[in-house]
């Protein structure tokens, strides 16, 4: 997910996307713990997406 895509979302969409990403991260962690995860790099990619969403949410709160 690119930062431009995230910046074009509204705050409610961002909060929904954040909840979805956190759920995905939880599921990826569970799959990793049970050795059913095919691509372990998806965990770090999902964490980066969460960080991007949180950054844009904070930017919007500060009015930038």
PDB file of N, CA and C in Angstrom:
ATOM      1  N   UNK A   1       0.840  -1.166   0.000  1.00  0.00           N
ATOM      2  CA  UNK A   1       0.000   0.000   0.000  1.00  0.00           C
ATOM      3  C   UNK A   1       0.890   1.236   0.000  1.00  0.00           C
ATOM      4  N   UNK A   2       0.591   2.167  -0.862  1.00  0.00           N
ATOM      5  CA  UNK A   2       1.414   3.354  -0.999  1.00  0.00           C
ATOM      6  C   UNK A   2       0.870   4.498  -0.150  1.00  0.00           C
ATOM      7  N   UNK A   3       1.758   5.410   0.205  1.00  0.00           N
ATOM      8  CA  UNK A   3       1.379   6.535   1.059  1.00  0.00           C
ATOM      9  C   UNK A   3       0.357   7.432   0.369  1.00  0.00           C
ATOM     10  N   UNK A   4       0.454   7.594  -0.944  1.00  0.00           N
ATOM     11  CA  UNK A   4      -0.521   8.427  -1.660  1.00  0.00           C
ATOM     12  C   UNK A   4      -1.925   7.856  -1.553  1.00  0.00           C
ATOM     13  N   UNK A   5      -2.047   6.542  -1.619  1.00  0.00           N
ATOM     14  CA  UNK A   5      -3.355   5.899  -1.470  1.00  0.00           C
ATOM     15  C   UNK A   5      -3.910   6.146  -0.078  1.00  0.00           C
ATOM     16  N   UNK A   6      -3.041   6.081   0.911  1.00  0.00           N
ATOM     17  CA  UNK A   6      -3.470   6.250   2.294  1.00  0.00           C
ATOM     18  C   UNK A   6      -3.881   7.693   2.548  1.00  0.00           C
ATOM     19  N   UNK A   7      -3.128   8.641   1.999  1.00  0.00           N
ATOM     20  CA  UNK A   7      -3.436  10.051   2.226  1.00  0.00           C
ATOM     21  C   UNK A   7      -4.757  10.470   1.595  1.00  0.00           C
ATOM     22  N   UNK A   8      -5.203   9.754   0.573  1.00  0.00           N
ATOM     23  CA  UNK A   8      -6.455  10.115  -0.081  1.00  0.00           C
ATOM     24  C   UNK A   8      -7.682   9.609   0.688  1.00  0.00           C
ATOM     25  N   UNK A   9      -7.473   8.810   1.735  1.00  0.00           N
ATOM     26  CA  UNK A   9      -8.590   8.266   2.518  1.00  0.00           C
ATOM     27  C   UNK A   9      -9.042   9.261   3.576  1.00  0.00           C
ATOM     28  N   UNK A  10     -10.314   9.133   3.979  1.00  0.00           N
ATOM     29  CA  UNK A  10     -10.825   9.953   5.075  1.00  0.00           C
ATOM     30  C   UNK A  10     -10.415   9.316   6.407  1.00  0.00           C
ATOM     31  N   UNK A  11     -10.676  10.037   7.484  1.00  0.00           N
ATOM     32  CA  UNK A  11     -10.268   9.513   8.799  1.00  0.00           C
ATOM     33  C   UNK A  11     -11.032   8.253   9.181  1.00  0.00           C
ATOM     34  N   UNK A  12     -12.301   8.181   8.833  1.00  0.00           N
ATOM     35  CA  UNK A  12     -13.064   6.970   9.152  1.00  0.00           C
ATOM     36  C   UNK A  12     -12.554   5.785   8.348  1.00  0.00           C
ATOM     37  N   UNK A  13     -12.198   6.029   7.090  1.00  0.00           N
ATOM     38  CA  UNK A  13     -11.629   4.958   6.268  1.00  0.00           C
ATOM     39  C   UNK A  13     -10.278   4.523   6.818  1.00  0.00           C
ATOM     40  N   UNK A  14      -9.501   5.494   7.298  1.00  0.00           N
ATOM     41  CA  UNK A  14      -8.195   5.164   7.872  1.00  0.00           C
ATOM     42  C   UNK A  14      -8.340   4.316   9.124  1.00  0.00           C
ATOM     43  N   UNK A  15      -9.293   4.659   9.968  1.00  0.00           N
ATOM     44  CA  UNK A  15      -9.505   3.876  11.184  1.00  0.00           C
ATOM     45  C   UNK A  15      -9.978   2.462  10.856  1.00  0.00           C
ATOM     46  N   UNK A  16     -10.821   2.331   9.838  1.00  0.00           N
ATOM     47  CA  UNK A  16     -11.272   1.008   9.416  1.00  0.00           C
ATOM     48  C   UNK A  16     -10.110   0.210   8.838  1.00  0.00           C
ATOM     49  N   UNK A  17      -9.276   0.862   8.051  1.00  0.00           N
ATOM     50  CA  UNK A  17      -8.110   0.187   7.463  1.00  0.00           C
ATOM     51  C   UNK A  17      -7.139  -0.235   8.556  1.00  0.00           C
ATOM     52  N   UNK A  18      -6.965   0.600   9.569  1.00  0.00           N
ATOM     53  CA  UNK A  18      -6.079   0.269  10.687  1.00  0.00           C
ATOM     54  C   UNK A  18      -6.580  -0.964  11.424  1.00  0.00           C
ATOM     55  N   UNK A  19      -7.872  -1.034  11.679  1.00  0.00           N
ATOM     56  CA  UNK A  19      -8.442  -2.197  12.354  1.00  0.00           C
ATOM     57  C   UNK A  19      -8.259  -3.457  11.503  1.00  0.00           C
ATOM     58  N   UNK A  20      -8.453  -3.313  10.193  1.00  0.00           N
ATOM     59  CA  UNK A  20      -8.286  -4.457   9.292  1.00  0.00           C
ATOM     60  C   UNK A  20      -6.832  -4.941   9.278  1.00  0.00           C
ATOM     61  N   UNK A  21      -5.896  -4.004   9.233  1.00  0.00           N
ATOM     62  CA  UNK A  21      -4.477  -4.371   9.212  1.00  0.00           C
ATOM     63  C   UNK A  21      -4.049  -5.030  10.519  1.00  0.00           C
ATOM     64  N   UNK A  22      -4.562  -4.536  11.636  1.00  0.00           N
ATOM     65  CA  UNK A  22      -4.226  -5.143  12.921  1.00  0.00           C
ATOM     66  C   UNK A  22      -4.773  -6.568  13.010  1.00  0.00           C
ATOM     67  N   UNK A  23      -5.966  -6.772  12.470  1.00  0.00           N
ATOM     68  CA  UNK A  23      -6.544  -8.119  12.444  1.00  0.00           C
ATOM     69  C   UNK A  23      -5.701  -9.036  11.559  1.00  0.00           C
ATOM     70  N   UNK A  24      -5.286  -8.517  10.404  1.00  0.00           N
ATOM     71  CA  UNK A  24      -4.434  -9.298   9.505  1.00  0.00           C
ATOM     72  C   UNK A  24      -3.109  -9.657  10.172  1.00  0.00           C
ATOM     73  N   UNK A  25      -2.524  -8.699  10.885  1.00  0.00           N
ATOM     74  CA  UNK A  25      -1.263  -8.954  11.568  1.00  0.00           C
ATOM     75  C   UNK A  25      -1.428 -10.042  12.620  1.00  0.00           C
ATOM     76  N   UNK A  26      -2.533 -10.003  13.345  1.00  0.00           N
ATOM     77  CA  UNK A  26      -2.792 -11.037  14.338  1.00  0.00           C
ATOM     78  C   UNK A  26      -2.877 -12.412  13.687  1.00  0.00           C
ATOM     79  N   UNK A  27      -3.608 -12.485  12.576  1.00  0.00           N
ATOM     80  CA  UNK A  27      -3.757 -13.761  11.879  1.00  0.00           C
ATOM     81  C   UNK A  27      -2.418 -14.250  11.337  1.00  0.00           C
ATOM     82  N   UNK A  28      -1.596 -13.336  10.831  1.00  0.00           N
ATOM     83  CA  UNK A  28      -0.280 -13.718  10.328  1.00  0.00           C
ATOM     84  C   UNK A  28       0.600 -14.253  11.451  1.00  0.00           C
ATOM     85  N   UNK A  29       0.525 -13.609  12.611  1.00  0.00           N
ATOM     86  CA  UNK A  29       1.305 -14.085  13.764  1.00  0.00           C
ATOM     87  C   UNK A  29       0.859 -15.478  14.192  1.00  0.00           C
ATOM     88  N   UNK A  30      -0.447 -15.709  14.170  1.00  0.00           N
ATOM     89  CA  UNK A  30      -0.957 -17.026  14.545  1.00  0.00           C
ATOM     90  C   UNK A  30      -0.496 -18.082  13.542  1.00  0.00           C
ATOM     91  N   UNK A  31      -0.539 -17.755  12.256  1.00  0.00           N
ATOM     92  CA  UNK A  31      -0.084 -18.698  11.237  1.00  0.00           C
ATOM     93  C   UNK A  31       1.411 -18.969  11.382  1.00  0.00           C
ATOM     94  N   UNK A  32       2.161 -17.931  11.722  1.00  0.00           N
ATOM     95  CA  UNK A  32       3.607 -18.097  11.898  1.00  0.00           C
ATOM     96  C   UNK A  32       3.903 -18.995  13.105  1.00  0.00           C
ATOM     97  N   UNK A  33       3.133 -18.839  14.152  1.00  0.00           N
ATOM     98  CA  UNK A  33       3.356 -19.635  15.357  1.00  0.00           C
ATOM     99  C   UNK A  33       3.030 -21.110  15.126  1.00  0.00           C
ATOM    100  N   UNK A  34       2.094 -21.381  14.246  1.00  0.00           N
ATOM    101  CA  UNK A  34       1.712 -22.769  13.983  1.00  0.00           C
ATOM    102  C   UNK A  34       2.380 -23.325  12.722  1.00  0.00           C
ATOM    103  N   UNK A  35       3.354 -22.597  12.201  1.00  0.00           N
ATOM    104  CA  UNK A  35       4.119 -22.999  11.011  1.00  0.00           C
ATOM    105  C   UNK A  35       3.256 -23.188   9.767  1.00  0.00           C
ATOM    106  N   UNK A  36       2.225 -22.371   9.609  1.00  0.00           N
ATOM    107  CA  UNK A  36       1.376 -22.427   8.424  1.00  0.00           C
ATOM    108  C   UNK A  36       1.537 -21.191   7.549  1.00  0.00           C
ATOM    109  N   UNK A  37       2.507 -20.349   7.843  1.00  0.00           N
ATOM    110  CA  UNK A  37       2.694 -19.110   7.090  1.00  0.00           C
ATOM    111  C   UNK A  37       3.615 -19.379   5.909  1.00  0.00           C
ATOM    112  N   UNK A  38       3.125 -19.090   4.710  1.00  0.00           N
ATOM    113  CA  UNK A  38       3.908 -19.334   3.501  1.00  0.00           C
ATOM    114  C   UNK A  38       4.979 -18.271   3.277  1.00  0.00           C
ATOM    115  N   UNK A  39       4.627 -17.010   3.525  1.00  0.00           N
ATOM    116  CA  UNK A  39       5.535 -15.912   3.240  1.00  0.00           C
ATOM    117  C   UNK A  39       5.730 -15.063   4.497  1.00  0.00           C
ATOM    118  N   UNK A  40       6.789 -15.303   5.268  1.00  0.00           N
ATOM    119  CA  UNK A  40       6.981 -14.571   6.521  1.00  0.00           C
ATOM    120  C   UNK A  40       7.259 -13.085   6.345  1.00  0.00           C
ATOM    121  N   UNK A  41       7.611 -12.645   5.148  1.00  0.00           N
ATOM    122  CA  UNK A  41       7.851 -11.215   4.942  1.00  0.00           C
ATOM    123  C   UNK A  41       6.558 -10.411   4.968  1.00  0.00           C
ATOM    124  N   UNK A  42       5.410 -11.101   4.863  1.00  0.00           N
ATOM    125  CA  UNK A  42       4.130 -10.392   4.949  1.00  0.00           C
ATOM    126  C   UNK A  42       3.924  -9.769   6.322  1.00  0.00           C
ATOM    127  N   UNK A  43       4.531 -10.349   7.356  1.00  0.00           N
ATOM    128  CA  UNK A  43       4.406  -9.788   8.704  1.00  0.00           C
ATOM    129  C   UNK A  43       5.029  -8.399   8.737  1.00  0.00           C
ATOM    130  N   UNK A  44       6.243  -8.273   8.242  1.00  0.00           N
ATOM    131  CA  UNK A  44       6.916  -6.971   8.279  1.00  0.00           C
ATOM    132  C   UNK A  44       6.234  -5.980   7.335  1.00  0.00           C
ATOM    133  N   UNK A  45       5.731  -6.442   6.200  1.00  0.00           N
ATOM    134  CA  UNK A  45       5.024  -5.546   5.285  1.00  0.00           C
ATOM    135  C   UNK A  45       3.746  -5.012   5.921  1.00  0.00           C
ATOM    136  N   UNK A  46       3.052  -5.869   6.649  1.00  0.00           N
ATOM    137  CA  UNK A  46       1.825  -5.440   7.325  1.00  0.00           C
ATOM    138  C   UNK A  46       2.139  -4.459   8.440  1.00  0.00           C
ATOM    139  N   UNK A  47       3.232  -4.698   9.155  1.00  0.00           N
ATOM    140  CA  UNK A  47       3.632  -3.762  10.210  1.00  0.00           C
ATOM    141  C   UNK A  47       3.966  -2.391   9.626  1.00  0.00           C
ATOM    142  N   UNK A  48       4.609  -2.366   8.467  1.00  0.00           N
ATOM    143  CA  UNK A  48       4.927  -1.098   7.812  1.00  0.00           C
ATOM    144  C   UNK A  48       3.661  -0.379   7.360  1.00  0.00           C
ATOM    145  N   UNK A  49       2.689  -1.144   6.854  1.00  0.00           N
ATOM    146  CA  UNK A  49       1.422  -0.540   6.449  1.00  0.00           C
ATOM    147  C   UNK A  49       0.703   0.071   7.647  1.00  0.00           C
ATOM    148  N   UNK A  50       0.749  -0.621   8.780  1.00  0.00           N
ATOM    149  CA  UNK A  50       0.143  -0.072  10.007  1.00  0.00           C
ATOM    150  C   UNK A  50       0.823   1.228  10.379  1.00  0.00           C
ATOM    151  N   UNK A  51       2.143   1.259  10.292  1.00  0.00           N
ATOM    152  CA  UNK A  51       2.887   2.476  10.629  1.00  0.00           C
ATOM    153  C   UNK A  51       2.528   3.612   9.668  1.00  0.00           C
ATOM    154  N   UNK A  52       2.369   3.304   8.394  1.00  0.00           N
ATOM    155  CA  UNK A  52       1.985   4.337   7.423  1.00  0.00           C
ATOM    156  C   UNK A  52       0.618   4.915   7.749  1.00  0.00           C
ATOM    157  N   UNK A  53      -0.329   4.044   8.067  1.00  0.00           N
ATOM    158  CA  UNK A  53      -1.682   4.502   8.382  1.00  0.00           C
ATOM    159  C   UNK A  53      -1.664   5.362   9.646  1.00  0.00           C
ATOM    160  N   UNK A  54      -0.935   4.916  10.661  1.00  0.00           N
ATOM    161  CA  UNK A  54      -0.852   5.698  11.895  1.00  0.00           C
ATOM    162  C   UNK A  54      -0.197   7.056  11.654  1.00  0.00           C
ATOM    163  N   UNK A  55       0.790   7.111  10.792  1.00  0.00           N
ATOM    164  CA  UNK A  55       1.455   8.372  10.472  1.00  0.00           C
ATOM    165  C   UNK A  55       0.496   9.330   9.785  1.00  0.00           C
ATOM    166  N   UNK A  56      -0.273   8.836   8.838  1.00  0.00           N
ATOM    167  CA  UNK A  56      -1.215   9.704   8.128  1.00  0.00           C
ATOM    168  C   UNK A  56      -2.326  10.159   9.065  1.00  0.00           C
ATOM    169  N   UNK A  57      -2.786   9.277   9.948  1.00  0.00           N
ATOM    170  CA  UNK A  57      -3.804   9.681  10.928  1.00  0.00           C
ATOM    171  C   UNK A  57      -3.276  10.825  11.786  1.00  0.00           C
ATOM    172  N   UNK A  58      -2.038  10.692  12.219  1.00  0.00           N
ATOM    173  CA  UNK A  58      -1.427  11.744  13.061  1.00  0.00           C
ATOM    174  C   UNK A  58      -1.248  13.032  12.275  1.00  0.00           C
ATOM    175  N   UNK A  59      -0.871  12.950  11.026  1.00  0.00           N
ATOM    176  CA  UNK A  59      -0.732  14.146  10.187  1.00  0.00           C
ATOM    177  C   UNK A  59      -2.055  14.870  10.073  1.00  0.00           C
ATOM    178  N   UNK A  60      -3.134  14.101   9.874  1.00  0.00           N
ATOM    179  CA  UNK A  60      -4.447  14.724   9.750  1.00  0.00           C
ATOM    180  C   UNK A  60      -4.888  15.356  11.062  1.00  0.00           C
ATOM    181  N   UNK A  61      -4.515  14.748  12.197  1.00  0.00           N
ATOM    182  CA  UNK A  61      -4.857  15.334  13.483  1.00  0.00           C
ATOM    183  C   UNK A  61      -4.134  16.652  13.702  1.00  0.00           C
ATOM    184  N   UNK A  62      -2.901  16.728  13.222  1.00  0.00           N
ATOM    185  CA  UNK A  62      -2.129  17.955  13.381  1.00  0.00           C
ATOM    186  C   UNK A  62      -2.463  19.002  12.319  1.00  0.00           C
ATOM    187  N   UNK A  63      -3.208  18.597  11.299  1.00  0.00           N
ATOM    188  CA  UNK A  63      -3.619  19.529  10.284  1.00  0.00           C
ATOM    189  C   UNK A  63      -2.570  19.822   9.236  1.00  0.00           C
ATOM    190  N   UNK A  64      -1.746  18.849   8.937  1.00  0.00           N
ATOM    191  CA  UNK A  64      -0.699  19.057   7.936  1.00  0.00           C
ATOM    192  C   UNK A  64      -1.145  18.621   6.579  1.00  0.00           C
TER     193      UNK A  64
END
